[in-house]
C-alpha cells in the first residue's frame, strides 16, 4: 500500500471539514425552525379564518357601486346584524353578498318605484345604484320570518335577493358574517 492512503489530514483540512459539518448543522437548524414557523402561522391563519374572519372575493354586479367584481373583503363572524349591514352568506354552494334591510319580525314593503319601507318607515338608500321592485315573486308588505334576514343588493335591477323565492330570506345557518373591511384594491383599502 502506498503512503498516501494513510496520510493524516492537515490542520487546515480538519478545520475546513469541521466548518462544513457546522454549516450543515446550522442549515438544518434554520430549515427546521423555518418549517415550524410556517406550520404555526398556517395553523393560526386557519383558526382565525374559521372562528373570527373570512376573506372573500366579490363576484357579480349585484352590489355595485358599493362593491365591484374582483374586490377582496373581510367578513367578521357575527350572530347579530343591523339594517344596512353588508353580509356574506351561502346560497347553492356559492357565497353571496347583500345588504340587510329587515330583521326577524320586520314588515318590508317595496313600492312600484323601488322605494323600501321597513315597519312603515321609508328607508333612505344613498348606496343604491338603481331602485327597482323587480325581479320579485313575493307579495308586499312582507313579514320577515323568525331567525331570518331580508336582504337586497345595491344594484337592484341586477340582484337576485330576498324579493325572490329563489333566494328568499337568509337563515342564520347560511350566514358567514358581516362585511367590515375591503383589502383590495389598495386604493379603496379600508372599512365598509
C-alpha atoms as a PDB file:
ATOM      1  CA  UNK A   1       0.000   0.000   0.000  1.00  0.00           C
ATOM      2  CA  UNK A   2       1.163   3.459  -0.719  1.00  0.00           C
ATOM      3  CA  UNK A   3       1.818   6.099   1.895  1.00  0.00           C
ATOM      4  CA  UNK A   4      -0.828   8.473   0.506  1.00  0.00           C
ATOM      5  CA  UNK A   5      -3.656   6.211   1.629  1.00  0.00           C
ATOM      6  CA  UNK A   6      -2.571   6.533   5.250  1.00  0.00           C
ATOM      7  CA  UNK A   7      -1.664  10.198   5.239  1.00  0.00           C
ATOM      8  CA  UNK A   8      -3.091  12.181   8.124  1.00  0.00           C
ATOM      9  CA  UNK A   9      -5.208  15.228   7.188  1.00  0.00           C
ATOM     10  CA  UNK A  10      -3.673  18.579   7.784  1.00  0.00           C
ATOM     11  CA  UNK A  11      -4.961  21.061  10.355  1.00  0.00           C
ATOM     12  CA  UNK A  12      -6.428  23.204   7.560  1.00  0.00           C
ATOM     13  CA  UNK A  13      -8.275  20.210   6.118  1.00  0.00           C
ATOM     14  CA  UNK A  14      -9.668  19.350   9.538  1.00  0.00           C
ATOM     15  CA  UNK A  15     -10.774  22.951  10.091  1.00  0.00           C
ATOM     16  CA  UNK A  16     -12.439  23.032   6.661  1.00  0.00           C
ATOM     17  CA  UNK A  17     -14.238  19.731   7.360  1.00  0.00           C
ATOM     18  CA  UNK A  18     -15.359  20.960  10.786  1.00  0.00           C
ATOM     19  CA  UNK A  19     -16.635  24.203   9.250  1.00  0.00           C
ATOM     20  CA  UNK A  20     -18.546  22.246   6.593  1.00  0.00           C
ATOM     21  CA  UNK A  21     -20.174  20.000   9.210  1.00  0.00           C
ATOM     22  CA  UNK A  22     -21.099  23.003  11.364  1.00  0.00           C
ATOM     23  CA  UNK A  23     -22.614  24.703   8.304  1.00  0.00           C
ATOM     24  CA  UNK A  24     -24.733  21.593   7.621  1.00  0.00           C
ATOM     25  CA  UNK A  25     -25.952  21.573  11.236  1.00  0.00           C
ATOM     26  CA  UNK A  26     -26.746  25.305  11.092  1.00  0.00           C
ATOM     27  CA  UNK A  27     -28.606  24.874   7.781  1.00  0.00           C
ATOM     28  CA  UNK A  28     -30.704  22.005   9.224  1.00  0.00           C
ATOM     29  CA  UNK A  29     -31.468  24.086  12.333  1.00  0.00           C
ATOM     30  CA  UNK A  30     -32.560  27.121  10.270  1.00  0.00           C
ATOM     31  CA  UNK A  31     -34.657  24.901   7.954  1.00  0.00           C
ATOM     32  CA  UNK A  32     -36.325  23.156  10.917  1.00  0.00           C
ATOM     33  CA  UNK A  33     -37.103  26.478  12.646  1.00  0.00           C
ATOM     34  CA  UNK A  34     -38.452  27.975   9.398  1.00  0.00           C
ATOM     35  CA  UNK A  35     -40.742  24.982   8.853  1.00  0.00           C
ATOM     36  CA  UNK A  36     -42.008  25.229  12.431  1.00  0.00           C
ATOM     37  CA  UNK A  37     -42.791  28.928  11.981  1.00  0.00           C
ATOM     38  CA  UNK A  38     -44.583  28.270   8.661  1.00  0.00           C
ATOM     39  CA  UNK A  39     -46.701  25.480  10.180  1.00  0.00           C
ATOM     40  CA  UNK A  40     -47.609  27.584  13.229  1.00  0.00           C
ATOM     41  CA  UNK A  41     -48.544  30.612  11.086  1.00  0.00           C
ATOM     42  CA  UNK A  42     -50.631  28.421   8.755  1.00  0.00           C
ATOM     43  CA  UNK A  43     -52.413  26.835  11.730  1.00  0.00           C
ATOM     44  CA  UNK A  44     -53.136  30.255  13.247  1.00  0.00           C
ATOM     45  CA  UNK A  45     -54.428  31.538   9.897  1.00  0.00           C
ATOM     46  CA  UNK A  46     -56.802  28.572   9.633  1.00  0.00           C
ATOM     47  CA  UNK A  47     -58.014  29.091  13.205  1.00  0.00           C
ATOM     48  CA  UNK A  48     -58.551  32.821  12.715  1.00  0.00           C
ATOM     49  CA  UNK A  49     -60.376  32.325   9.421  1.00  0.00           C
ATOM     50  CA  UNK A  50     -62.510  29.536  10.875  1.00  0.00           C
ATOM     51  CA  UNK A  51     -63.582  31.307  14.033  1.00  0.00           C
ATOM     52  CA  UNK A  52     -63.196  35.053  13.565  1.00  0.00           C
ATOM     53  CA  UNK A  53     -62.936  36.319   9.980  1.00  0.00           C
ATOM     54  CA  UNK A  54     -63.326  35.084   6.426  1.00  0.00           C
ATOM     55  CA  UNK A  55     -61.615  36.573   3.384  1.00  0.00           C
ATOM     56  CA  UNK A  56     -63.869  36.743   0.308  1.00  0.00           C
ATOM     57  CA  UNK A  57     -63.536  37.812  -3.325  1.00  0.00           C
ATOM     58  CA  UNK A  58     -66.559  39.686  -4.698  1.00  0.00           C
ATOM     59  CA  UNK A  59     -68.089  38.404  -7.943  1.00  0.00           C
ATOM     60  CA  UNK A  60     -71.077  39.749  -9.823  1.00  0.00           C
ATOM     61  CA  UNK A  61     -72.684  43.163 -10.217  1.00  0.00           C
ATOM     62  CA  UNK A  62     -75.446  42.981  -7.602  1.00  0.00           C
ATOM     63  CA  UNK A  63     -73.609  45.168  -5.060  1.00  0.00           C
ATOM     64  CA  UNK A  64     -72.358  47.963  -7.337  1.00  0.00           C
ATOM     65  CA  UNK A  65     -71.480  50.742  -6.661  1.00  0.00           C
ATOM     66  CA  UNK A  66     -70.608  49.692  -3.080  1.00  0.00           C
ATOM     67  CA  UNK A  67     -68.602  46.606  -4.111  1.00  0.00           C
ATOM     68  CA  UNK A  68     -67.148  45.751  -7.508  1.00  0.00           C
ATOM     69  CA  UNK A  69     -66.244  42.397  -9.054  1.00  0.00           C
ATOM     70  CA  UNK A  70     -62.736  41.356  -8.068  1.00  0.00           C
ATOM     71  CA  UNK A  71     -62.591  43.271  -4.802  1.00  0.00           C
ATOM     72  CA  UNK A  72     -61.383  41.350  -1.753  1.00  0.00           C
ATOM     73  CA  UNK A  73     -63.210  41.891   1.533  1.00  0.00           C
ATOM     74  CA  UNK A  74     -63.158  40.564   5.085  1.00  0.00           C
ATOM     75  CA  UNK A  75     -66.291  39.188   6.720  1.00  0.00           C
ATOM     76  CA  UNK A  76     -66.276  39.181  10.518  1.00  0.00           C
ATOM     77  CA  UNK A  77     -68.132  36.253  12.046  1.00  0.00           C
ATOM     78  CA  UNK A  78     -71.186  37.658  13.792  1.00  0.00           C
ATOM     79  CA  UNK A  79     -74.557  36.481  15.007  1.00  0.00           C
ATOM     80  CA  UNK A  80     -76.385  39.824  15.015  1.00  0.00           C
ATOM     81  CA  UNK A  81     -76.964  42.154  12.096  1.00  0.00           C
ATOM     82  CA  UNK A  82     -78.479  45.596  11.824  1.00  0.00           C
ATOM     83  CA  UNK A  83     -80.305  47.196   8.920  1.00  0.00           C
ATOM     84  CA  UNK A  84     -77.742  48.492   6.434  1.00  0.00           C
ATOM     85  CA  UNK A  85     -75.046  45.917   7.287  1.00  0.00           C
ATOM     86  CA  UNK A  86     -73.397  44.118   4.387  1.00  0.00           C
ATOM     87  CA  UNK A  87     -73.417  40.371   4.938  1.00  0.00           C
ATOM     88  CA  UNK A  88     -71.992  37.308   3.234  1.00  0.00           C
ATOM     89  CA  UNK A  89     -73.938  34.052   3.166  1.00  0.00           C
ATOM     90  CA  UNK A  90     -74.013  30.680   1.450  1.00  0.00           C
ATOM     91  CA  UNK A  91     -76.556  30.037  -1.284  1.00  0.00           C
ATOM     92  CA  UNK A  92     -76.414  26.955  -3.556  1.00  0.00           C
ATOM     93  CA  UNK A  93     -72.689  26.347  -2.897  1.00  0.00           C
ATOM     94  CA  UNK A  94     -71.907  29.984  -3.687  1.00  0.00           C
ATOM     95  CA  UNK A  95     -71.146  32.922  -1.442  1.00  0.00           C
ATOM     96  CA  UNK A  96     -73.412  35.936  -1.945  1.00  0.00           C
ATOM     97  CA  UNK A  97     -73.009  39.438  -0.537  1.00  0.00           C
ATOM     98  CA  UNK A  98     -76.117  41.559   0.106  1.00  0.00           C
ATOM     99  CA  UNK A  99     -77.335  44.326   2.402  1.00  0.00           C
ATOM    100  CA  UNK A 100     -79.603  43.585   5.394  1.00  0.00           C
ATOM    101  CA  UNK A 101     -82.832  45.594   5.286  1.00  0.00           C
ATOM    102  CA  UNK A 102     -85.062  43.599   7.589  1.00  0.00           C
ATOM    103  CA  UNK A 103     -84.630  41.518  10.735  1.00  0.00           C
ATOM    104  CA  UNK A 104     -86.926  38.788  12.081  1.00  0.00           C
ATOM    105  CA  UNK A 105     -90.477  40.118  12.524  1.00  0.00           C
ATOM    106  CA  UNK A 106     -89.964  43.304  10.476  1.00  0.00           C
ATOM    107  CA  UNK A 107     -92.515  44.289   7.845  1.00  0.00           C
ATOM    108  CA  UNK A 108     -90.935  45.114   4.457  1.00  0.00           C
ATOM    109  CA  UNK A 109     -92.737  46.996   1.712  1.00  0.00           C
ATOM    110  CA  UNK A 110     -91.354  47.943  -1.706  1.00  0.00           C
ATOM    111  CA  UNK A 111     -93.438  50.258  -3.891  1.00  0.00           C
ATOM    112  CA  UNK A 112     -93.585  50.225  -7.699  1.00  0.00           C
ATOM    113  CA  UNK A 113     -90.741  52.790  -7.833  1.00  0.00           C
ATOM    114  CA  UNK A 114     -88.465  50.519  -5.773  1.00  0.00           C
ATOM    115  CA  UNK A 115     -88.611  52.576  -2.557  1.00  0.00           C
ATOM    116  CA  UNK A 116     -88.227  50.374   0.523  1.00  0.00           C
ATOM    117  CA  UNK A 117     -90.108  50.845   3.789  1.00  0.00           C
ATOM    118  CA  UNK A 118     -89.373  48.890   6.952  1.00  0.00           C
ATOM    119  CA  UNK A 119     -92.124  48.790   9.583  1.00  0.00           C
ATOM    120  CA  UNK A 120     -93.824  51.710   7.816  1.00  0.00           C
ATOM    121  CA  UNK A 121     -90.751  53.979   7.683  1.00  0.00           C
ATOM    122  CA  UNK A 122     -89.231  54.845   4.313  1.00  0.00           C
ATOM    123  CA  UNK A 123     -85.512  53.966   4.152  1.00  0.00           C
ATOM    124  CA  UNK A 124     -83.049  56.484   2.675  1.00  0.00           C
ATOM    125  CA  UNK A 125     -80.760  54.422   0.461  1.00  0.00           C
ATOM    126  CA  UNK A 126     -77.991  56.615  -0.939  1.00  0.00           C
ATOM    127  CA  UNK A 127     -75.931  53.494  -1.712  1.00  0.00           C
ATOM    128  CA  UNK A 128     -78.434  52.107  -4.266  1.00  0.00           C
ATOM    129  CA  UNK A 129     -77.433  52.499  -7.915  1.00  0.00           C
ATOM    130  CA  UNK A 130     -80.934  51.887  -9.300  1.00  0.00           C
ATOM    131  CA  UNK A 131     -84.139  51.277  -7.378  1.00  0.00           C
ATOM    132  CA  UNK A 132     -86.403  48.552  -8.672  1.00  0.00           C
ATOM    133  CA  UNK A 133     -89.231  46.336  -7.498  1.00  0.00           C
ATOM    134  CA  UNK A 134     -88.275  43.637  -9.992  1.00  0.00           C
ATOM    135  CA  UNK A 135     -87.328  40.845 -10.040  1.00  0.00           C
ATOM    136  CA  UNK A 136     -89.874  39.761  -7.431  1.00  0.00           C
ATOM    137  CA  UNK A 137     -92.274  36.885  -6.929  1.00  0.00           C
ATOM    138  CA  UNK A 138     -93.398  37.634  -3.358  1.00  0.00           C
ATOM    139  CA  UNK A 139     -96.236  39.875  -2.189  1.00  0.00           C
ATOM    140  CA  UNK A 140     -95.633  43.084  -0.286  1.00  0.00           C
ATOM    141  CA  UNK A 141     -95.951  44.051   2.510  1.00  0.00           C
ATOM    142  CA  UNK A 142     -93.933  41.041   3.621  1.00  0.00           C
ATOM    143  CA  UNK A 143     -93.111  39.989   7.170  1.00  0.00           C
ATOM    144  CA  UNK A 144     -89.627  38.585   7.737  1.00  0.00           C
ATOM    145  CA  UNK A 145     -89.883  35.117   9.324  1.00  0.00           C
ATOM    146  CA  UNK A 146     -88.207  34.277  12.636  1.00  0.00           C
ATOM    147  CA  UNK A 147     -84.461  33.584  12.517  1.00  0.00           C
ATOM    148  CA  UNK A 148     -84.163  35.106   9.032  1.00  0.00           C
ATOM    149  CA  UNK A 149     -82.971  38.347   7.445  1.00  0.00           C
ATOM    150  CA  UNK A 150     -84.403  40.185   4.440  1.00  0.00           C
ATOM    151  CA  UNK A 151     -81.516  41.178   2.137  1.00  0.00           C
ATOM    152  CA  UNK A 152     -81.239  43.206  -1.063  1.00  0.00           C
ATOM    153  CA  UNK A 153     -78.412  44.004  -3.444  1.00  0.00           C
ATOM    154  CA  UNK A 154     -77.426  47.634  -4.047  1.00  0.00           C
ATOM    155  CA  UNK A 155     -77.832  47.247  -7.834  1.00  0.00           C
ATOM    156  CA  UNK A 156     -81.472  46.213  -7.579  1.00  0.00           C
ATOM    157  CA  UNK A 157     -82.147  45.507 -11.268  1.00  0.00           C
ATOM    158  CA  UNK A 158     -79.221  43.032 -11.393  1.00  0.00           C
ATOM    159  CA  UNK A 159     -79.730  41.466  -7.960  1.00  0.00           C
ATOM    160  CA  UNK A 160     -81.474  38.211  -7.135  1.00  0.00           C
ATOM    161  CA  UNK A 161     -82.212  38.555  -3.426  1.00  0.00           C
ATOM    162  CA  UNK A 162     -84.990  38.248  -0.819  1.00  0.00           C
ATOM    163  CA  UNK A 163     -87.515  39.695  -3.294  1.00  0.00           C
ATOM    164  CA  UNK A 164     -87.418  36.291  -4.980  1.00  0.00           C
ATOM    165  CA  UNK A 165     -88.308  32.902  -3.554  1.00  0.00           C
ATOM    166  CA  UNK A 166     -85.216  31.604  -5.366  1.00  0.00           C
ATOM    167  CA  UNK A 167     -83.042  33.173  -2.635  1.00  0.00           C
ATOM    168  CA  UNK A 168     -85.625  34.187  -0.060  1.00  0.00           C
ATOM    169  CA  UNK A 169     -84.751  35.429   3.382  1.00  0.00           C
ATOM    170  CA  UNK A 170     -81.361  34.362   4.704  1.00  0.00           C
ATOM    171  CA  UNK A 171     -81.323  31.894   7.588  1.00  0.00           C
ATOM    172  CA  UNK A 172     -78.834  32.086  10.430  1.00  0.00           C
ATOM    173  CA  UNK A 173     -77.349  28.783   9.247  1.00  0.00           C
ATOM    174  CA  UNK A 174     -76.460  30.327   5.863  1.00  0.00           C
ATOM    175  CA  UNK A 175     -74.623  33.307   7.351  1.00  0.00           C
ATOM    176  CA  UNK A 176     -70.859  33.712   7.067  1.00  0.00           C
ATOM    177  CA  UNK A 177     -70.575  37.136   8.623  1.00  0.00           C
ATOM    178  CA  UNK A 178     -70.697  40.897   8.366  1.00  0.00           C
ATOM    179  CA  UNK A 179     -68.529  42.535   5.675  1.00  0.00           C
ATOM    180  CA  UNK A 180     -66.393  45.001   7.621  1.00  0.00           C
ATOM    181  CA  UNK A 181     -63.255  45.737   5.596  1.00  0.00           C
ATOM    182  CA  UNK A 182     -62.057  45.997   1.981  1.00  0.00           C
ATOM    183  CA  UNK A 183     -58.496  44.737   1.415  1.00  0.00           C
ATOM    184  CA  UNK A 184     -58.214  45.085  -2.360  1.00  0.00           C
ATOM    185  CA  UNK A 185     -57.967  47.179  -4.472  1.00  0.00           C
ATOM    186  CA  UNK A 186     -55.440  49.035  -2.371  1.00  0.00           C
ATOM    187  CA  UNK A 187     -56.825  52.406  -3.485  1.00  0.00           C
ATOM    188  CA  UNK A 188     -60.139  51.543  -1.779  1.00  0.00           C
ATOM    189  CA  UNK A 189     -58.495  49.878   1.241  1.00  0.00           C
ATOM    190  CA  UNK A 190     -60.472  50.484   4.425  1.00  0.00           C
ATOM    191  CA  UNK A 191     -63.600  49.857   6.425  1.00  0.00           C
ATOM    192  CA  UNK A 192     -67.043  49.426   4.939  1.00  0.00           C
END
